[in-house]
Amino acid sequence: GGASGGEEAACFGCGARLGGDAEGLGASAEEMQGQGLAFKCPGCLKSFCFSCDTFIHDSLHTCPGCEERRSLHQPIAREPVPAPA
């Protein structure tokens, strides 16, 4: 998977098609929202549209891609862990 070779990327949050990278641009919020720009999380490398990125930063305060990765990689405790002595 990925958005290489002309393949269009989709927002991990809402599935919207993403058109470009917003990093380093001086566009206003309204301009960015209309351009389908992608914001990539440096932790999980998932891409998000402007609206989802704003919602994540303003409301969730944690990346859903990073949370998914954490939950998938946590070991399932099958035996009780002994208490430290």
N, C-alpha and C. Protein backbone atom coordinates (compact mmCIF):
# COMPACT_ATOMS: atom_id res chain seq x y z
N GLY A 1 0.82 -1.19 0.00
CA GLY A 1 0.00 0.00 0.00
C GLY A 1 0.86 1.24 0.00
N GLY A 2 0.22 2.37 -0.02
CA GLY A 2 0.92 3.64 0.00
C GLY A 2 0.50 4.50 -1.15
N ALA A 3 1.00 5.72 -1.16
CA ALA A 3 0.61 6.68 -2.18
C ALA A 3 1.78 6.98 -3.09
N SER A 4 2.37 5.96 -3.65
CA SER A 4 3.48 6.18 -4.55
C SER A 4 3.09 5.76 -5.96
N GLY A 5 3.82 6.22 -6.92
CA GLY A 5 3.56 5.85 -8.30
C GLY A 5 2.25 6.35 -8.84
N GLY A 6 1.80 7.52 -8.41
CA GLY A 6 0.57 8.10 -8.93
C GLY A 6 -0.68 7.63 -8.20
N GLU A 7 -0.55 6.71 -7.28
CA GLU A 7 -1.68 6.21 -6.50
C GLU A 7 -2.14 7.30 -5.54
N GLU A 8 -3.45 7.52 -5.44
CA GLU A 8 -3.96 8.56 -4.56
C GLU A 8 -4.06 8.03 -3.14
N ALA A 9 -3.66 8.85 -2.18
CA ALA A 9 -3.75 8.51 -0.77
C ALA A 9 -5.13 8.88 -0.25
N ALA A 10 -5.52 8.24 0.84
CA ALA A 10 -6.79 8.54 1.50
C ALA A 10 -6.53 8.89 2.95
N CYS A 11 -7.37 9.75 3.49
CA CYS A 11 -7.28 10.13 4.90
C CYS A 11 -7.57 8.91 5.77
N PHE A 12 -6.70 8.66 6.74
CA PHE A 12 -6.88 7.54 7.66
C PHE A 12 -8.12 7.73 8.52
N GLY A 13 -8.51 8.99 8.76
CA GLY A 13 -9.66 9.29 9.61
C GLY A 13 -11.00 9.14 8.92
N CYS A 14 -11.15 9.74 7.75
CA CYS A 14 -12.46 9.77 7.10
C CYS A 14 -12.49 9.13 5.71
N GLY A 15 -11.32 8.80 5.18
CA GLY A 15 -11.27 8.16 3.87
C GLY A 15 -11.26 9.12 2.69
N ALA A 16 -11.27 10.43 2.93
CA ALA A 16 -11.27 11.41 1.84
C ALA A 16 -9.98 11.29 1.02
N ARG A 17 -10.09 11.53 -0.28
CA ARG A 17 -8.90 11.53 -1.14
C ARG A 17 -8.01 12.71 -0.77
N LEU A 18 -6.71 12.45 -0.75
CA LEU A 18 -5.75 13.48 -0.39
C LEU A 18 -4.91 13.82 -1.61
N GLY A 19 -4.65 15.14 -1.76
CA GLY A 19 -3.97 15.57 -2.96
C GLY A 19 -2.52 15.97 -2.80
N GLY A 20 -2.07 16.38 -1.65
CA GLY A 20 -0.70 16.85 -1.53
C GLY A 20 -0.26 16.96 -0.09
N ASP A 21 0.95 17.43 0.08
CA ASP A 21 1.55 17.56 1.41
C ASP A 21 1.47 19.00 1.85
N ALA A 22 0.92 19.25 3.03
CA ALA A 22 0.74 20.62 3.53
C ALA A 22 1.98 21.15 4.23
N GLU A 23 2.96 20.32 4.43
CA GLU A 23 4.14 20.75 5.16
C GLU A 23 4.87 21.86 4.42
N GLY A 24 5.14 22.94 5.12
CA GLY A 24 5.92 24.02 4.55
C GLY A 24 5.14 25.01 3.70
N LEU A 25 3.82 24.85 3.58
CA LEU A 25 3.04 25.78 2.78
C LEU A 25 2.53 26.92 3.65
N GLY A 26 2.37 28.09 3.06
CA GLY A 26 1.86 29.25 3.79
C GLY A 26 0.39 29.49 3.49
N ALA A 27 -0.36 28.47 3.17
CA ALA A 27 -1.77 28.62 2.82
C ALA A 27 -2.61 28.84 4.07
N SER A 28 -3.75 29.51 3.89
CA SER A 28 -4.68 29.71 5.00
C SER A 28 -5.42 28.41 5.27
N ALA A 29 -6.11 28.34 6.41
CA ALA A 29 -6.88 27.15 6.76
C ALA A 29 -7.92 26.84 5.70
N GLU A 30 -8.60 27.88 5.19
CA GLU A 30 -9.63 27.66 4.18
C GLU A 30 -9.04 27.11 2.88
N GLU A 31 -7.88 27.64 2.49
CA GLU A 31 -7.22 27.15 1.28
C GLU A 31 -6.79 25.69 1.45
N MET A 32 -6.23 25.36 2.61
CA MET A 32 -5.77 23.99 2.84
C MET A 32 -6.93 23.02 2.84
N GLN A 33 -8.05 23.40 3.45
CA GLN A 33 -9.20 22.52 3.53
C GLN A 33 -9.73 22.19 2.14
N GLY A 34 -9.74 23.14 1.24
CA GLY A 34 -10.26 22.94 -0.11
C GLY A 34 -9.31 22.21 -1.04
N GLN A 35 -8.04 22.08 -0.67
CA GLN A 35 -7.06 21.46 -1.56
C GLN A 35 -6.83 19.99 -1.28
N GLY A 36 -7.46 19.41 -0.25
CA GLY A 36 -7.28 18.01 0.08
C GLY A 36 -5.86 17.68 0.49
N LEU A 37 -5.22 18.61 1.19
CA LEU A 37 -3.83 18.41 1.58
C LEU A 37 -3.71 17.37 2.68
N ALA A 38 -2.61 16.65 2.68
CA ALA A 38 -2.36 15.59 3.64
C ALA A 38 -1.41 16.05 4.73
N PHE A 39 -1.72 15.65 5.94
CA PHE A 39 -0.84 15.84 7.08
C PHE A 39 -0.44 14.45 7.54
N LYS A 40 0.84 14.17 7.59
CA LYS A 40 1.31 12.84 7.95
C LYS A 40 1.83 12.82 9.37
N CYS A 41 1.36 11.86 10.16
CA CYS A 41 1.83 11.71 11.53
C CYS A 41 3.26 11.17 11.49
N PRO A 42 4.18 11.80 12.21
CA PRO A 42 5.56 11.32 12.22
C PRO A 42 5.72 10.01 12.98
N GLY A 43 4.74 9.67 13.83
CA GLY A 43 4.83 8.44 14.61
C GLY A 43 4.41 7.21 13.84
N CYS A 44 3.20 7.24 13.26
CA CYS A 44 2.66 6.06 12.58
C CYS A 44 2.69 6.18 11.06
N LEU A 45 2.99 7.39 10.56
CA LEU A 45 3.06 7.69 9.13
C LEU A 45 1.71 7.60 8.41
N LYS A 46 0.61 7.66 9.17
CA LYS A 46 -0.73 7.71 8.56
C LYS A 46 -0.99 9.14 8.10
N SER A 47 -1.73 9.28 7.01
CA SER A 47 -2.07 10.59 6.46
C SER A 47 -3.49 10.98 6.85
N PHE A 48 -3.68 12.29 7.11
CA PHE A 48 -4.97 12.82 7.51
C PHE A 48 -5.29 14.06 6.70
N CYS A 49 -6.58 14.29 6.41
CA CYS A 49 -7.01 15.51 5.73
C CYS A 49 -6.96 16.66 6.74
N PHE A 50 -7.14 17.87 6.25
CA PHE A 50 -7.09 19.05 7.11
C PHE A 50 -8.12 18.97 8.23
N SER A 51 -9.35 18.59 7.92
CA SER A 51 -10.41 18.54 8.92
C SER A 51 -10.12 17.52 10.01
N CYS A 52 -9.68 16.33 9.62
CA CYS A 52 -9.37 15.30 10.62
C CYS A 52 -8.14 15.69 11.43
N ASP A 53 -7.14 16.26 10.79
CA ASP A 53 -5.95 16.70 11.52
C ASP A 53 -6.31 17.74 12.57
N THR A 54 -7.17 18.68 12.20
CA THR A 54 -7.61 19.71 13.14
C THR A 54 -8.38 19.09 14.30
N PHE A 55 -9.29 18.16 13.99
CA PHE A 55 -10.07 17.49 15.03
C PHE A 55 -9.16 16.71 15.97
N ILE A 56 -8.18 16.01 15.42
CA ILE A 56 -7.24 15.23 16.24
C ILE A 56 -6.49 16.14 17.21
N HIS A 57 -5.97 17.26 16.68
CA HIS A 57 -5.19 18.17 17.52
C HIS A 57 -6.05 18.92 18.54
N ASP A 58 -7.24 19.36 18.12
CA ASP A 58 -8.08 20.18 18.99
C ASP A 58 -8.91 19.37 19.98
N SER A 59 -9.30 18.16 19.62
CA SER A 59 -10.23 17.40 20.47
C SER A 59 -9.64 16.11 21.03
N LEU A 60 -9.06 15.29 20.17
CA LEU A 60 -8.58 13.98 20.63
C LEU A 60 -7.25 14.05 21.37
N HIS A 61 -6.36 14.90 20.90
CA HIS A 61 -5.03 15.07 21.48
C HIS A 61 -4.17 13.82 21.39
N THR A 62 -4.56 12.87 20.57
CA THR A 62 -3.77 11.67 20.33
C THR A 62 -4.09 11.15 18.94
N CYS A 63 -3.10 10.64 18.26
CA CYS A 63 -3.28 10.17 16.89
C CYS A 63 -3.98 8.81 16.86
N PRO A 64 -5.08 8.68 16.11
CA PRO A 64 -5.76 7.39 16.02
C PRO A 64 -4.88 6.31 15.40
N GLY A 65 -4.01 6.67 14.48
CA GLY A 65 -3.10 5.70 13.88
C GLY A 65 -2.11 5.16 14.89
N CYS A 66 -1.58 6.03 15.73
CA CYS A 66 -0.65 5.61 16.78
C CYS A 66 -1.36 4.76 17.82
N GLU A 67 -2.60 5.14 18.17
CA GLU A 67 -3.38 4.37 19.14
C GLU A 67 -3.69 2.98 18.59
N GLU A 68 -4.04 2.89 17.32
CA GLU A 68 -4.32 1.60 16.70
C GLU A 68 -3.07 0.72 16.74
N ARG A 69 -1.95 1.32 16.40
CA ARG A 69 -0.69 0.58 16.39
C ARG A 69 -0.36 0.06 17.79
N ARG A 70 -0.55 0.92 18.80
CA ARG A 70 -0.29 0.51 20.18
C ARG A 70 -1.20 -0.65 20.59
N SER A 71 -2.49 -0.54 20.27
CA SER A 71 -3.44 -1.58 20.69
C SER A 71 -3.19 -2.90 19.98
N LEU A 72 -2.73 -2.86 18.75
CA LEU A 72 -2.46 -4.09 18.00
C LEU A 72 -1.18 -4.77 18.46
N HIS A 73 -0.25 -4.02 19.02
CA HIS A 73 1.04 -4.58 19.40
C HIS A 73 1.16 -4.88 20.89
N GLN A 74 0.11 -4.62 21.67
CA GLN A 74 0.19 -4.92 23.09
C GLN A 74 0.02 -6.42 23.29
N PRO A 75 0.89 -7.02 24.07
CA PRO A 75 0.75 -8.46 24.32
C PRO A 75 -0.49 -8.75 25.16
N ILE A 76 -1.08 -9.89 24.91
CA ILE A 76 -2.24 -10.32 25.66
C ILE A 76 -1.73 -11.14 26.84
N ALA A 77 -2.09 -10.73 28.04
CA ALA A 77 -1.63 -11.44 29.24
C ALA A 77 -2.40 -12.75 29.36
N ARG A 78 -1.67 -13.86 29.29
CA ARG A 78 -2.29 -15.18 29.39
C ARG A 78 -2.10 -15.77 30.78
N GLU A 79 -1.09 -15.34 31.49
CA GLU A 79 -0.83 -15.80 32.84
C GLU A 79 -0.65 -14.59 33.73
N PRO A 80 -1.01 -14.72 35.00
CA PRO A 80 -0.79 -13.58 35.91
C PRO A 80 0.70 -13.24 36.00
N VAL A 81 0.98 -11.98 35.99
CA VAL A 81 2.37 -11.53 36.10
C VAL A 81 2.70 -11.44 37.59
N PRO A 82 3.80 -12.09 38.00
CA PRO A 82 4.14 -12.03 39.43
C PRO A 82 4.47 -10.60 39.87
N ALA A 83 4.07 -10.28 41.08
CA ALA A 83 4.34 -8.95 41.65
C ALA A 83 5.83 -8.83 41.94
N PRO A 84 6.39 -7.63 41.73
CA PRO A 84 7.81 -7.44 42.04
C PRO A 84 8.06 -7.61 43.54
N ALA A 85 9.21 -8.20 43.86
CA ALA A 85 9.55 -8.46 45.26
C ALA A 85 10.11 -7.25 45.95
